[in-house]
C-alpha atoms as a PDB file:
ATOM      1  CA  MET A   1     100.259  95.123  90.480  1.00  0.00           C
ATOM      2  CA  ASN A   2     102.061  92.728  92.590  1.00  0.00           C
ATOM      3  CA  TYR A   3     101.992  92.832  96.225  1.00  0.00           C
ATOM      4  CA  THR A   4     103.948  91.574  99.160  1.00  0.00           C
ATOM      5  CA  LEU A   5     103.011  91.007 102.838  1.00  0.00           C
ATOM      6  CA  ALA A   6     105.234  91.336 105.714  1.00  0.00           C
ATOM      7  CA  VAL A   7     103.640  89.035 108.316  1.00  0.00           C
ATOM      8  CA  PHE A   8     104.320  89.502 112.211  1.00  0.00           C
ATOM      9  CA  LYS A   9     103.327  87.433 115.123  1.00  0.00           C
ATOM     10  CA  SER A  10     102.945  90.678 117.080  1.00  0.00           C
ATOM     11  CA  ARG A  11     100.433  93.579 116.292  1.00  0.00           C
ATOM     12  CA  TYR A  12     102.961  95.994 117.865  1.00  0.00           C
ATOM     13  CA  ALA A  13     106.011  94.669 115.383  1.00  0.00           C
ATOM     14  CA  THR A  14     103.352  94.965 112.524  1.00  0.00           C
ATOM     15  CA  LEU A  15     102.366  98.541 112.995  1.00  0.00           C
ATOM     16  CA  ASN A  16     105.812  99.554 113.962  1.00  0.00           C
ATOM     17  CA  PHE A  17     107.058  98.188 110.633  1.00  0.00           C
ATOM     18  CA  ALA A  18     104.466 100.001 108.837  1.00  0.00           C
ATOM     19  CA  THR A  19     105.588 103.377 110.525  1.00  0.00           C
ATOM     20  CA  LEU A  20     109.201 102.315 109.456  1.00  0.00           C
ATOM     21  CA  LEU A  21     108.170 102.061 105.893  1.00  0.00           C
ATOM     22  CA  ARG A  22     106.249 105.103 105.666  1.00  0.00           C
ATOM     23  CA  ALA A  23     109.086 107.026 107.032  1.00  0.00           C
ATOM     24  CA  ASN A  24     111.081 105.774 104.180  1.00  0.00           C
ATOM     25  CA  HIS A  25     108.583 106.849 101.965  1.00  0.00           C
ATOM     26  CA  ILE A  26     107.611 103.273 100.903  1.00  0.00           C
ATOM     27  CA  PRO A  27     103.493 103.232 100.560  1.00  0.00           C
ATOM     28  CA  VAL A  28     102.062 100.579 102.682  1.00  0.00           C
ATOM     29  CA  ALA A  29      98.620  99.508 103.771  1.00  0.00           C
ATOM     30  CA  ILE A  30      97.654  97.449 106.988  1.00  0.00           C
ATOM     31  CA  ILE A  31      95.520  94.623 106.088  1.00  0.00           C
ATOM     32  CA  ASN A  32      93.973  91.557 107.482  1.00  0.00           C
ATOM     33  CA  THR A  33      96.276  88.655 107.293  1.00  0.00           C
ATOM     34  CA  PRO A  34      94.768  86.017 104.947  1.00  0.00           C
ATOM     35  CA  GLN A  35      93.635  82.886 106.875  1.00  0.00           C
ATOM     36  CA  SER A  36      95.829  80.607 104.951  1.00  0.00           C
ATOM     37  CA  ILE A  37      98.681  82.187 107.237  1.00  0.00           C
ATOM     38  CA  SER A  38      97.826  80.853 110.374  1.00  0.00           C
ATOM     39  CA  ASN A  39     100.910  81.973 112.558  1.00  0.00           C
ATOM     40  CA  ALA A  40     100.226  85.809 112.439  1.00  0.00           C
ATOM     41  CA  CYS A  41      98.791  88.385 114.717  1.00  0.00           C
ATOM     42  CA  GLY A  42      95.898  89.065 112.439  1.00  0.00           C
ATOM     43  CA  ILE A  43      97.143  91.921 110.611  1.00  0.00           C
ATOM     44  CA  SER A  44      99.963  92.519 108.048  1.00  0.00           C
ATOM     45  CA  VAL A  45     101.829  95.110 106.182  1.00  0.00           C
ATOM     46  CA  LYS A  46     101.119  95.266 102.315  1.00  0.00           C
ATOM     47  CA  PHE A  47     103.226  97.104 100.017  1.00  0.00           C
ATOM     48  CA  LEU A  48     104.172  96.937  96.101  1.00  0.00           C
ATOM     49  CA  SER A  49     106.549  94.200  95.282  1.00  0.00           C
ATOM     50  CA  ASP A  50     108.769  96.659  93.528  1.00  0.00           C
ATOM     51  CA  PHE A  51     109.783  97.925  97.083  1.00  0.00           C
ATOM     52  CA  TYR A  52     110.930  94.547  98.224  1.00  0.00           C
ATOM     53  CA  PRO A  53     114.689  95.124  97.701  1.00  0.00           C
ATOM     54  CA  LYS A  54     114.146  98.450  99.926  1.00  0.00           C
ATOM     55  CA  VAL A  55     112.009  96.847 102.600  1.00  0.00           C
ATOM     56  CA  GLN A  56     114.708  93.932 103.452  1.00  0.00           C
ATOM     57  CA  PRO A  57     117.257  96.312 105.203  1.00  0.00           C
ATOM     58  CA  ILE A  58     114.602  98.103 106.959  1.00  0.00           C
ATOM     59  CA  LEU A  59     113.579  94.820 108.684  1.00  0.00           C
ATOM     60  CA  SER A  60     116.912  94.655 110.212  1.00  0.00           C
ATOM     61  CA  LYS A  61     115.815  97.761 112.519  1.00  0.00           C
ATOM     62  CA  ILE A  62     113.576  96.135 114.542  1.00  0.00           C
ATOM     63  CA  ASN A  63     113.195  93.075 116.573  1.00  0.00           C
ATOM     64  CA  LEU A  64     113.348  90.024 114.216  1.00  0.00           C
ATOM     65  CA  SER A  65     111.784  87.545 116.918  1.00  0.00           C
ATOM     66  CA  SER A  66     107.995  88.220 115.841  1.00  0.00           C
ATOM     67  CA  PHE A  67     108.755  88.266 112.255  1.00  0.00           C
ATOM     68  CA  ASP A  68     107.079  85.347 110.595  1.00  0.00           C
ATOM     69  CA  GLY A  69     108.060  86.246 106.984  1.00  0.00           C
ATOM     70  CA  PHE A  70     107.168  87.791 103.697  1.00  0.00           C
ATOM     71  CA  TYR A  71     104.698  86.437 101.519  1.00  0.00           C
ATOM     72  CA  SER A  72     103.969  87.343  97.894  1.00  0.00           C
ATOM     73  CA  TYR A  73     100.962  87.142  95.790  1.00  0.00           C
ATOM     74  CA  VAL A  74     101.294  85.019  92.811  1.00  0.00           C
ATOM     75  CA  GLY A  75      98.827  84.789  89.739  1.00  0.00           C
ATOM     76  CA  ASN A  76      96.404  86.926  88.265  1.00  0.00           C
ATOM     77  CA  GLY A  77      92.611  87.779  88.897  1.00  0.00           C
ATOM     78  CA  ILE A  78      90.954  85.199  91.023  1.00  0.00           C
ATOM     79  CA  ASN A  79      93.382  82.666  90.885  1.00  0.00           C
ATOM     80  CA  LYS A  80      96.032  84.360  92.881  1.00  0.00           C
ATOM     81  CA  LYS A  81      97.895  82.392  95.669  1.00  0.00           C
ATOM     82  CA  LEU A  82     100.238  83.304  98.422  1.00  0.00           C
ATOM     83  CA  ILE A  83     103.987  82.285  98.377  1.00  0.00           C
ATOM     84  CA  LYS A  84     106.468  82.490 101.284  1.00  0.00           C
ATOM     85  CA  LEU A  85     109.392  84.098 100.274  1.00  0.00           C
END
């Protein structure tokens, strides 16, 4: 399974975005942001990459000033790395 992270600079925006995704029937998890992403607030929204095309339009419904970007896990097993989309 491939996952994508939505990363924000604000905890409020992160939680608001997770609520919006859940309201649109997209399963999400709130996770600690990986340390390699230094600009973030500390938590991120994690969702299956299959939902990425549905998630992008929902992003336009919130304040984009705190949005830091989407990151995708690439690779398999232990060798996974984050790539900014």
